[in-house]
Amino acid sequence: MSWPAFLVLALGSYALKAVGLVALRNRKLPPFVEDVLALLPAAMFGGLVMVSTFGGDRALVLDARAAGLAVAALALWRRAGPVVVVTAAVVTTALVRAVA
């Protein structure tokens, strides 16, 4: 992605957030809407991780990144700390790239 596109998207995101705050003022959203909005960042981040890991030029790509993500998922499932998860994923990705 180019930097101008990134900056336009970032500014647009902040503008939409500001418009929402102005439109709502001091009114409360329904509880189910607040629950959904609380879950959106995690879902968006998960989607971005998947696209950047498996997305290729209109094709599914299985390479060292997929192995690193699998090890990270395994470490998370075993309730490892964030440093251990990231380190395990990085080391696995590096080892797969070194072997391949």
PDB file of N, CA and C in Angstrom:
ATOM      1  N   MET A   1       0.845  -1.168   0.000  1.00  0.00           N
ATOM      2  CA  MET A   1       0.000   0.000   0.000  1.00  0.00           C
ATOM      3  C   MET A   1       0.893   1.234   0.000  1.00  0.00           C
ATOM      4  N   SER A   2       0.488   2.241  -0.717  1.00  0.00           N
ATOM      5  CA  SER A   2       1.293   3.455  -0.789  1.00  0.00           C
ATOM      6  C   SER A   2       0.999   4.357   0.410  1.00  0.00           C
ATOM      7  N   TRP A   3       1.967   5.199   0.731  1.00  0.00           N
ATOM      8  CA  TRP A   3       1.812   6.097   1.873  1.00  0.00           C
ATOM      9  C   TRP A   3       0.659   7.089   1.694  1.00  0.00           C
ATOM     10  N   PRO A   4       0.465   7.678   0.527  1.00  0.00           N
ATOM     11  CA  PRO A   4      -0.689   8.582   0.394  1.00  0.00           C
ATOM     12  C   PRO A   4      -2.022   7.879   0.674  1.00  0.00           C
ATOM     13  N   ALA A   5      -2.161   6.656   0.166  1.00  0.00           N
ATOM     14  CA  ALA A   5      -3.404   5.910   0.419  1.00  0.00           C
ATOM     15  C   ALA A   5      -3.555   5.619   1.906  1.00  0.00           C
ATOM     16  N   PHE A   6      -2.454   5.240   2.544  1.00  0.00           N
ATOM     17  CA  PHE A   6      -2.486   4.969   3.980  1.00  0.00           C
ATOM     18  C   PHE A   6      -2.908   6.212   4.764  1.00  0.00           C
ATOM     19  N   LEU A   7      -2.344   7.346   4.427  1.00  0.00           N
ATOM     20  CA  LEU A   7      -2.679   8.587   5.133  1.00  0.00           C
ATOM     21  C   LEU A   7      -4.134   8.985   4.910  1.00  0.00           C
ATOM     22  N   VAL A   8      -4.623   8.824   3.679  1.00  0.00           N
ATOM     23  CA  VAL A   8      -6.027   9.147   3.400  1.00  0.00           C
ATOM     24  C   VAL A   8      -6.952   8.251   4.214  1.00  0.00           C
ATOM     25  N   LEU A   9      -6.642   6.948   4.274  1.00  0.00           N
ATOM     26  CA  LEU A   9      -7.473   6.031   5.049  1.00  0.00           C
ATOM     27  C   LEU A   9      -7.417   6.336   6.545  1.00  0.00           C
ATOM     28  N   ALA A  10      -6.240   6.685   7.049  1.00  0.00           N
ATOM     29  CA  ALA A  10      -6.111   7.020   8.470  1.00  0.00           C
ATOM     30  C   ALA A  10      -6.897   8.288   8.795  1.00  0.00           C
ATOM     31  N   LEU A  11      -6.765   9.311   7.970  1.00  0.00           N
ATOM     32  CA  LEU A  11      -7.508  10.554   8.206  1.00  0.00           C
ATOM     33  C   LEU A  11      -9.012  10.324   8.086  1.00  0.00           C
ATOM     34  N   GLY A  12      -9.413   9.513   7.118  1.00  0.00           N
ATOM     35  CA  GLY A  12     -10.831   9.197   6.973  1.00  0.00           C
ATOM     36  C   GLY A  12     -11.377   8.468   8.190  1.00  0.00           C
ATOM     37  N   SER A  13     -10.574   7.578   8.745  1.00  0.00           N
ATOM     38  CA  SER A  13     -10.991   6.847   9.936  1.00  0.00           C
ATOM     39  C   SER A  13     -11.216   7.795  11.113  1.00  0.00           C
ATOM     40  N   TYR A  14     -10.266   8.694  11.328  1.00  0.00           N
ATOM     41  CA  TYR A  14     -10.423   9.650  12.426  1.00  0.00           C
ATOM     42  C   TYR A  14     -11.581  10.608  12.170  1.00  0.00           C
ATOM     43  N   ALA A  15     -11.799  10.977  10.924  1.00  0.00           N
ATOM     44  CA  ALA A  15     -12.919  11.863  10.603  1.00  0.00           C
ATOM     45  C   ALA A  15     -14.253  11.176  10.902  1.00  0.00           C
ATOM     46  N   LEU A  16     -14.373   9.894  10.531  1.00  0.00           N
ATOM     47  CA  LEU A  16     -15.605   9.167  10.827  1.00  0.00           C
ATOM     48  C   LEU A  16     -15.835   9.047  12.333  1.00  0.00           C
ATOM     49  N   LYS A  17     -14.766   8.836  13.084  1.00  0.00           N
ATOM     50  CA  LYS A  17     -14.894   8.748  14.534  1.00  0.00           C
ATOM     51  C   LYS A  17     -15.373  10.093  15.110  1.00  0.00           C
ATOM     52  N   ALA A  18     -14.814  11.177  14.601  1.00  0.00           N
ATOM     53  CA  ALA A  18     -15.217  12.508  15.073  1.00  0.00           C
ATOM     54  C   ALA A  18     -16.670  12.794  14.717  1.00  0.00           C
ATOM     55  N   VAL A  19     -17.093  12.418  13.521  1.00  0.00           N
ATOM     56  CA  VAL A  19     -18.480  12.631  13.110  1.00  0.00           C
ATOM     57  C   VAL A  19     -19.415  11.835  14.015  1.00  0.00           C
ATOM     58  N   GLY A  20     -19.031  10.623  14.352  1.00  0.00           N
ATOM     59  CA  GLY A  20     -19.857   9.813  15.246  1.00  0.00           C
ATOM     60  C   GLY A  20     -19.999  10.441  16.617  1.00  0.00           C
ATOM     61  N   LEU A  21     -18.908  10.973  17.145  1.00  0.00           N
ATOM     62  CA  LEU A  21     -18.979  11.622  18.458  1.00  0.00           C
ATOM     63  C   LEU A  21     -19.855  12.864  18.427  1.00  0.00           C
ATOM     64  N   VAL A  22     -19.760  13.623  17.356  1.00  0.00           N
ATOM     65  CA  VAL A  22     -20.581  14.830  17.237  1.00  0.00           C
ATOM     66  C   VAL A  22     -22.049  14.452  17.065  1.00  0.00           C
ATOM     67  N   ALA A  23     -22.329  13.427  16.266  1.00  0.00           N
ATOM     68  CA  ALA A  23     -23.714  13.026  16.007  1.00  0.00           C
ATOM     69  C   ALA A  23     -24.373  12.449  17.259  1.00  0.00           C
ATOM     70  N   LEU A  24     -23.628  11.695  18.052  1.00  0.00           N
ATOM     71  CA  LEU A  24     -24.216  11.080  19.241  1.00  0.00           C
ATOM     72  C   LEU A  24     -24.319  12.045  20.414  1.00  0.00           C
ATOM     73  N   ARG A  25     -23.406  12.967  20.503  1.00  0.00           N
ATOM     74  CA  ARG A  25     -23.282  13.884  21.633  1.00  0.00           C
ATOM     75  C   ARG A  25     -23.261  13.093  22.933  1.00  0.00           C
ATOM     76  N   ASN A  26     -24.207  13.286  23.811  1.00  0.00           N
ATOM     77  CA  ASN A  26     -24.200  12.592  25.106  1.00  0.00           C
ATOM     78  C   ASN A  26     -25.196  11.429  25.165  1.00  0.00           C
ATOM     79  N   ARG A  27     -25.725  11.028  24.012  1.00  0.00           N
ATOM     80  CA  ARG A  27     -26.691   9.927  23.997  1.00  0.00           C
ATOM     81  C   ARG A  27     -25.962   8.591  24.095  1.00  0.00           C
ATOM     82  N   LYS A  28     -26.644   7.617  24.623  1.00  0.00           N
ATOM     83  CA  LYS A  28     -26.093   6.268  24.775  1.00  0.00           C
ATOM     84  C   LYS A  28     -26.563   5.393  23.615  1.00  0.00           C
ATOM     85  N   LEU A  29     -25.679   4.489  23.195  1.00  0.00           N
ATOM     86  CA  LEU A  29     -26.057   3.491  22.201  1.00  0.00           C
ATOM     87  C   LEU A  29     -26.722   2.316  22.903  1.00  0.00           C
ATOM     88  N   PRO A  30     -27.532   1.552  22.179  1.00  0.00           N
ATOM     89  CA  PRO A  30     -28.093   0.333  22.784  1.00  0.00           C
ATOM     90  C   PRO A  30     -26.964  -0.609  23.201  1.00  0.00           C
ATOM     91  N   PRO A  31     -27.164  -1.377  24.270  1.00  0.00           N
ATOM     92  CA  PRO A  31     -26.097  -2.251  24.778  1.00  0.00           C
ATOM     93  C   PRO A  31     -25.550  -3.239  23.747  1.00  0.00           C
ATOM     94  N   PHE A  32     -26.422  -3.802  22.889  1.00  0.00           N
ATOM     95  CA  PHE A  32     -25.923  -4.767  21.911  1.00  0.00           C
ATOM     96  C   PHE A  32     -25.012  -4.099  20.887  1.00  0.00           C
ATOM     97  N   VAL A  33     -25.260  -2.838  20.562  1.00  0.00           N
ATOM     98  CA  VAL A  33     -24.398  -2.109  19.627  1.00  0.00           C
ATOM     99  C   VAL A  33     -23.039  -1.856  20.268  1.00  0.00           C
ATOM    100  N   GLU A  34     -23.035  -1.499  21.539  1.00  0.00           N
ATOM    101  CA  GLU A  34     -21.766  -1.288  22.239  1.00  0.00           C
ATOM    102  C   GLU A  34     -20.976  -2.592  22.322  1.00  0.00           C
ATOM    103  N   ASP A  35     -21.659  -3.718  22.520  1.00  0.00           N
ATOM    104  CA  ASP A  35     -20.974  -5.011  22.565  1.00  0.00           C
ATOM    105  C   ASP A  35     -20.326  -5.344  21.220  1.00  0.00           C
ATOM    106  N   VAL A  36     -21.061  -5.101  20.144  1.00  0.00           N
ATOM    107  CA  VAL A  36     -20.524  -5.370  18.811  1.00  0.00           C
ATOM    108  C   VAL A  36     -19.343  -4.454  18.520  1.00  0.00           C
ATOM    109  N   LEU A  37     -19.469  -3.182  18.860  1.00  0.00           N
ATOM    110  CA  LEU A  37     -18.376  -2.237  18.620  1.00  0.00           C
ATOM    111  C   LEU A  37     -17.139  -2.587  19.437  1.00  0.00           C
ATOM    112  N   ALA A  38     -17.327  -3.177  20.595  1.00  0.00           N
ATOM    113  CA  ALA A  38     -16.175  -3.573  21.414  1.00  0.00           C
ATOM    114  C   ALA A  38     -15.431  -4.744  20.789  1.00  0.00           C
ATOM    115  N   LEU A  39     -16.128  -5.592  20.037  1.00  0.00           N
ATOM    116  CA  LEU A  39     -15.505  -6.756  19.418  1.00  0.00           C
ATOM    117  C   LEU A  39     -14.897  -6.472  18.042  1.00  0.00           C
ATOM    118  N   LEU A  40     -15.266  -5.371  17.417  1.00  0.00           N
ATOM    119  CA  LEU A  40     -14.798  -5.083  16.066  1.00  0.00           C
ATOM    120  C   LEU A  40     -13.283  -4.978  15.925  1.00  0.00           C
ATOM    121  N   PRO A  41     -12.552  -4.296  16.822  1.00  0.00           N
ATOM    122  CA  PRO A  41     -11.092  -4.208  16.621  1.00  0.00           C
ATOM    123  C   PRO A  41     -10.412  -5.567  16.593  1.00  0.00           C
ATOM    124  N   ALA A  42     -10.816  -6.477  17.454  1.00  0.00           N
ATOM    125  CA  ALA A  42     -10.201  -7.809  17.461  1.00  0.00           C
ATOM    126  C   ALA A  42     -10.519  -8.557  16.165  1.00  0.00           C
ATOM    127  N   ALA A  43     -11.737  -8.438  15.686  1.00  0.00           N
ATOM    128  CA  ALA A  43     -12.111  -9.107  14.438  1.00  0.00           C
ATOM    129  C   ALA A  43     -11.361  -8.518  13.252  1.00  0.00           C
ATOM    130  N   MET A  44     -11.240  -7.207  13.222  1.00  0.00           N
ATOM    131  CA  MET A  44     -10.505  -6.558  12.130  1.00  0.00           C
ATOM    132  C   MET A  44      -9.036  -6.960  12.157  1.00  0.00           C
ATOM    133  N   PHE A  45      -8.431  -6.994  13.332  1.00  0.00           N
ATOM    134  CA  PHE A  45      -7.032  -7.374  13.452  1.00  0.00           C
ATOM    135  C   PHE A  45      -6.826  -8.817  13.009  1.00  0.00           C
ATOM    136  N   GLY A  46      -7.714  -9.697  13.430  1.00  0.00           N
ATOM    137  CA  GLY A  46      -7.628 -11.093  13.005  1.00  0.00           C
ATOM    138  C   GLY A  46      -7.737 -11.243  11.492  1.00  0.00           C
ATOM    139  N   GLY A  47      -8.636 -10.484  10.890  1.00  0.00           N
ATOM    140  CA  GLY A  47      -8.774 -10.514   9.438  1.00  0.00           C
ATOM    141  C   GLY A  47      -7.527 -10.010   8.727  1.00  0.00           C
ATOM    142  N   LEU A  48      -6.941  -8.950   9.253  1.00  0.00           N
ATOM    143  CA  LEU A  48      -5.710  -8.424   8.659  1.00  0.00           C
ATOM    144  C   LEU A  48      -4.562  -9.418   8.781  1.00  0.00           C
ATOM    145  N   VAL A  49      -4.473 -10.106   9.912  1.00  0.00           N
ATOM    146  CA  VAL A  49      -3.430 -11.120  10.083  1.00  0.00           C
ATOM    147  C   VAL A  49      -3.614 -12.232   9.052  1.00  0.00           C
ATOM    148  N   MET A  50      -4.831 -12.696   8.864  1.00  0.00           N
ATOM    149  CA  MET A  50      -5.090 -13.768   7.907  1.00  0.00           C
ATOM    150  C   MET A  50      -4.769 -13.339   6.475  1.00  0.00           C
ATOM    151  N   VAL A  51      -5.193 -12.149   6.107  1.00  0.00           N
ATOM    152  CA  VAL A  51      -4.942 -11.675   4.747  1.00  0.00           C
ATOM    153  C   VAL A  51      -3.449 -11.499   4.496  1.00  0.00           C
ATOM    154  N   SER A  52      -2.738 -10.933   5.464  1.00  0.00           N
ATOM    155  CA  SER A  52      -1.303 -10.722   5.255  1.00  0.00           C
ATOM    156  C   SER A  52      -0.522 -12.030   5.317  1.00  0.00           C
ATOM    157  N   THR A  53      -1.042 -13.039   5.992  1.00  0.00           N
ATOM    158  CA  THR A  53      -0.349 -14.326   6.082  1.00  0.00           C
ATOM    159  C   THR A  53      -0.626 -15.201   4.866  1.00  0.00           C
ATOM    160  N   PHE A  54      -1.873 -15.322   4.471  1.00  0.00           N
ATOM    161  CA  PHE A  54      -2.246 -16.269   3.428  1.00  0.00           C
ATOM    162  C   PHE A  54      -2.548 -15.622   2.089  1.00  0.00           C
ATOM    163  N   GLY A  55      -2.670 -14.313   2.059  1.00  0.00           N
ATOM    164  CA  GLY A  55      -3.034 -13.634   0.823  1.00  0.00           C
ATOM    165  C   GLY A  55      -1.856 -13.472  -0.102  1.00  0.00           C
ATOM    166  N   GLY A  56      -2.050 -13.841  -1.330  1.00  0.00           N
ATOM    167  CA  GLY A  56      -1.039 -13.652  -2.356  1.00  0.00           C
ATOM    168  C   GLY A  56      -1.646 -12.874  -3.499  1.00  0.00           C
ATOM    169  N   ASP A  57      -1.072 -13.013  -4.641  1.00  0.00           N
ATOM    170  CA  ASP A  57      -1.584 -12.330  -5.821  1.00  0.00           C
ATOM    171  C   ASP A  57      -2.812 -13.082  -6.332  1.00  0.00           C
ATOM    172  N   ARG A  58      -3.921 -12.899  -5.637  1.00  0.00           N
ATOM    173  CA  ARG A  58      -5.190 -13.579  -5.942  1.00  0.00           C
ATOM    174  C   ARG A  58      -5.070 -15.099  -5.822  1.00  0.00           C
ATOM    175  N   ALA A  59      -4.244 -15.527  -4.879  1.00  0.00           N
ATOM    176  CA  ALA A  59      -4.069 -16.963  -4.667  1.00  0.00           C
ATOM    177  C   ALA A  59      -3.740 -17.202  -3.197  1.00  0.00           C
ATOM    178  N   LEU A  60      -4.027 -18.403  -2.749  1.00  0.00           N
ATOM    179  CA  LEU A  60      -3.699 -18.804  -1.391  1.00  0.00           C
ATOM    180  C   LEU A  60      -2.208 -19.123  -1.322  1.00  0.00           C
ATOM    181  N   VAL A  61      -1.517 -18.523  -0.363  1.00  0.00           N
ATOM    182  CA  VAL A  61      -0.073 -18.716  -0.228  1.00  0.00           C
ATOM    183  C   VAL A  61       0.207 -19.429   1.084  1.00  0.00           C
ATOM    184  N   LEU A  62       0.866 -20.569   0.996  1.00  0.00           N
ATOM    185  CA  LEU A  62       1.280 -21.297   2.196  1.00  0.00           C
ATOM    186  C   LEU A  62       2.807 -21.298   2.218  1.00  0.00           C
ATOM    187  N   ASP A  63       3.377 -20.478   3.084  1.00  0.00           N
ATOM    188  CA  ASP A  63       4.826 -20.392   3.180  1.00  0.00           C
ATOM    189  C   ASP A  63       5.229 -20.337   4.651  1.00  0.00           C
ATOM    190  N   ALA A  64       6.388 -19.800   4.926  1.00  0.00           N
ATOM    191  CA  ALA A  64       6.918 -19.771   6.292  1.00  0.00           C
ATOM    192  C   ALA A  64       6.019 -18.977   7.236  1.00  0.00           C
ATOM    193  N   ARG A  65       5.339 -17.968   6.726  1.00  0.00           N
ATOM    194  CA  ARG A  65       4.443 -17.181   7.583  1.00  0.00           C
ATOM    195  C   ARG A  65       3.314 -18.037   8.151  1.00  0.00           C
ATOM    196  N   ALA A  66       2.811 -18.963   7.352  1.00  0.00           N
ATOM    197  CA  ALA A  66       1.742 -19.854   7.824  1.00  0.00           C
ATOM    198  C   ALA A  66       2.234 -20.733   8.962  1.00  0.00           C
ATOM    199  N   ALA A  67       3.470 -21.209   8.860  1.00  0.00           N
ATOM    200  CA  ALA A  67       4.033 -22.021   9.944  1.00  0.00           C
ATOM    201  C   ALA A  67       4.193 -21.187  11.213  1.00  0.00           C
ATOM    202  N   GLY A  68       4.650 -19.966  11.073  1.00  0.00           N
ATOM    203  CA  GLY A  68       4.787 -19.077  12.227  1.00  0.00           C
ATOM    204  C   GLY A  68       3.449 -18.779  12.877  1.00  0.00           C
ATOM    205  N   LEU A  69       2.432 -18.565  12.054  1.00  0.00           N
ATOM    206  CA  LEU A  69       1.090 -18.305  12.586  1.00  0.00           C
ATOM    207  C   LEU A  69       0.543 -19.533  13.297  1.00  0.00           C
ATOM    208  N   ALA A  70       0.797 -20.714  12.758  1.00  0.00           N
ATOM    209  CA  ALA A  70       0.337 -21.942  13.403  1.00  0.00           C
ATOM    210  C   ALA A  70       0.998 -22.128  14.765  1.00  0.00           C
ATOM    211  N   VAL A  71       2.290 -21.851  14.851  1.00  0.00           N
ATOM    212  CA  VAL A  71       2.991 -21.973  16.133  1.00  0.00           C
ATOM    213  C   VAL A  71       2.482 -20.923  17.117  1.00  0.00           C
ATOM    214  N   ALA A  72       2.215 -19.716  16.630  1.00  0.00           N
ATOM    215  CA  ALA A  72       1.659 -18.673  17.504  1.00  0.00           C
ATOM    216  C   ALA A  72       0.289 -19.081  18.028  1.00  0.00           C
ATOM    217  N   ALA A  73      -0.541 -19.659  17.165  1.00  0.00           N
ATOM    218  CA  ALA A  73      -1.867 -20.115  17.600  1.00  0.00           C
ATOM    219  C   ALA A  73      -1.745 -21.227  18.641  1.00  0.00           C
ATOM    220  N   LEU A  74      -0.799 -22.128  18.428  1.00  0.00           N
ATOM    221  CA  LEU A  74      -0.571 -23.196  19.399  1.00  0.00           C
ATOM    222  C   LEU A  74      -0.105 -22.627  20.738  1.00  0.00           C
ATOM    223  N   ALA A  75       0.797 -21.658  20.690  1.00  0.00           N
ATOM    224  CA  ALA A  75       1.283 -21.035  21.934  1.00  0.00           C
ATOM    225  C   ALA A  75       0.153 -20.289  22.651  1.00  0.00           C
ATOM    226  N   LEU A  76      -0.710 -19.627  21.892  1.00  0.00           N
ATOM    227  CA  LEU A  76      -1.853 -18.945  22.517  1.00  0.00           C
ATOM    228  C   LEU A  76      -2.808 -19.951  23.140  1.00  0.00           C
ATOM    229  N   TRP A  77      -3.013 -21.063  22.454  1.00  0.00           N
ATOM    230  CA  TRP A  77      -3.895 -22.098  22.980  1.00  0.00           C
ATOM    231  C   TRP A  77      -3.341 -22.653  24.285  1.00  0.00           C
ATOM    232  N   ARG A  78      -2.016 -22.733  24.382  1.00  0.00           N
ATOM    233  CA  ARG A  78      -1.371 -23.218  25.608  1.00  0.00           C
ATOM    234  C   ARG A  78      -1.230 -22.107  26.650  1.00  0.00           C
ATOM    235  N   ARG A  79      -1.805 -20.943  26.369  1.00  0.00           N
ATOM    236  CA  ARG A  79      -1.838 -19.783  27.268  1.00  0.00           C
ATOM    237  C   ARG A  79      -0.446 -19.232  27.586  1.00  0.00           C
ATOM    238  N   ALA A  80       0.406 -19.197  26.578  1.00  0.00           N
ATOM    239  CA  ALA A  80       1.737 -18.604  26.736  1.00  0.00           C
ATOM    240  C   ALA A  80       1.609 -17.081  26.734  1.00  0.00           C
ATOM    241  N   GLY A  81       2.598 -16.422  27.280  1.00  0.00           N
ATOM    242  CA  GLY A  81       2.608 -14.970  27.319  1.00  0.00           C
ATOM    243  C   GLY A  81       2.878 -14.372  25.944  1.00  0.00           C
ATOM    244  N   PRO A  82       2.591 -13.084  25.781  1.00  0.00           N
ATOM    245  CA  PRO A  82       2.762 -12.442  24.474  1.00  0.00           C
ATOM    246  C   PRO A  82       4.191 -12.504  23.950  1.00  0.00           C
ATOM    247  N   VAL A  83       5.161 -12.346  24.820  1.00  0.00           N
ATOM    248  CA  VAL A  83       6.557 -12.386  24.378  1.00  0.00           C
ATOM    249  C   VAL A  83       6.904 -13.777  23.861  1.00  0.00           C
ATOM    250  N   VAL A  84       6.437 -14.809  24.546  1.00  0.00           N
ATOM    251  CA  VAL A  84       6.693 -16.188  24.118  1.00  0.00           C
ATOM    252  C   VAL A  84       6.004 -16.465  22.789  1.00  0.00           C
ATOM    253  N   VAL A  85       4.781 -15.984  22.629  1.00  0.00           N
ATOM    254  CA  VAL A  85       4.026 -16.208  21.392  1.00  0.00           C
ATOM    255  C   VAL A  85       4.749 -15.582  20.207  1.00  0.00           C
ATOM    256  N   VAL A  86       5.118 -14.327  20.349  1.00  0.00           N
ATOM    257  CA  VAL A  86       5.786 -13.621  19.246  1.00  0.00           C
ATOM    258  C   VAL A  86       7.149 -14.245  18.958  1.00  0.00           C
ATOM    259  N   THR A  87       7.895 -14.557  19.997  1.00  0.00           N
ATOM    260  CA  THR A  87       9.220 -15.162  19.809  1.00  0.00           C
ATOM    261  C   THR A  87       9.109 -16.513  19.119  1.00  0.00           C
ATOM    262  N   ALA A  88       8.179 -17.330  19.537  1.00  0.00           N
ATOM    263  CA  ALA A  88       7.996 -18.647  18.915  1.00  0.00           C
ATOM    264  C   ALA A  88       7.621 -18.502  17.443  1.00  0.00           C
ATOM    265  N   ALA A  89       6.748 -17.551  17.128  1.00  0.00           N
ATOM    266  CA  ALA A  89       6.340 -17.347  15.738  1.00  0.00           C
ATOM    267  C   ALA A  89       7.507 -16.860  14.888  1.00  0.00           C
ATOM    268  N   VAL A  90       8.291 -15.936  15.420  1.00  0.00           N
ATOM    269  CA  VAL A  90       9.426 -15.392  14.668  1.00  0.00           C
ATOM    270  C   VAL A  90      10.484 -16.466  14.435  1.00  0.00           C
ATOM    271  N   VAL A  91      10.793 -17.215  15.471  1.00  0.00           N
ATOM    272  CA  VAL A  91      11.815 -18.269  15.339  1.00  0.00           C
ATOM    273  C   VAL A  91      11.352 -19.345  14.354  1.00  0.00           C
ATOM    274  N   THR A  92      10.096 -19.740  14.444  1.00  0.00           N
ATOM    275  CA  THR A  92       9.577 -20.748  13.522  1.00  0.00           C
ATOM    276  C   THR A  92       9.625 -20.258  12.081  1.00  0.00           C
ATOM    277  N   THR A  93       9.190 -19.028  11.854  1.00  0.00           N
ATOM    278  CA  THR A  93       9.217 -18.470  10.505  1.00  0.00           C
ATOM    279  C   THR A  93      10.641 -18.411   9.971  1.00  0.00           C
ATOM    280  N   ALA A  94      11.574 -17.971  10.808  1.00  0.00           N
ATOM    281  CA  ALA A  94      12.969 -17.884  10.378  1.00  0.00           C
ATOM    282  C   ALA A  94      13.543 -19.261  10.068  1.00  0.00           C
ATOM    283  N   LEU A  95      13.245 -20.265  10.907  1.00  0.00           N
ATOM    284  CA  LEU A  95      13.756 -21.613  10.661  1.00  0.00           C
ATOM    285  C   LEU A  95      13.192 -22.208   9.370  1.00  0.00           C
ATOM    286  N   VAL A  96      11.905 -22.012   9.134  1.00  0.00           N
ATOM    287  CA  VAL A  96      11.303 -22.542   7.903  1.00  0.00           C
ATOM    288  C   VAL A  96      11.916 -21.867   6.686  1.00  0.00           C
ATOM    289  N   ARG A  97      12.135 -20.552   6.769  1.00  0.00           N
ATOM    290  CA  ARG A  97      12.754 -19.856   5.640  1.00  0.00           C
ATOM    291  C   ARG A  97      14.195 -20.294   5.434  1.00  0.00           C
ATOM    292  N   ALA A  98      14.898 -20.585   6.519  1.00  0.00           N
ATOM    293  CA  ALA A  98      16.294 -21.019   6.398  1.00  0.00           C
ATOM    294  C   ALA A  98      16.380 -22.414   5.772  1.00  0.00           C
ATOM    295  N   VAL A  99      15.432 -23.268   6.102  1.00  0.00           N
ATOM    296  CA  VAL A  99      15.450 -24.640   5.580  1.00  0.00           C
ATOM    297  C   VAL A  99      14.994 -24.670   4.129  1.00  0.00           C
ATOM    298  N   ALA A 100      14.002 -23.870   3.796  1.00  0.00           N
ATOM    299  CA  ALA A 100      13.427 -23.900   2.450  1.00  0.00           C
ATOM    300  C   ALA A 100      14.243 -23.168   1.427  1.00  0.00           C
TER     301      ALA A 100
END
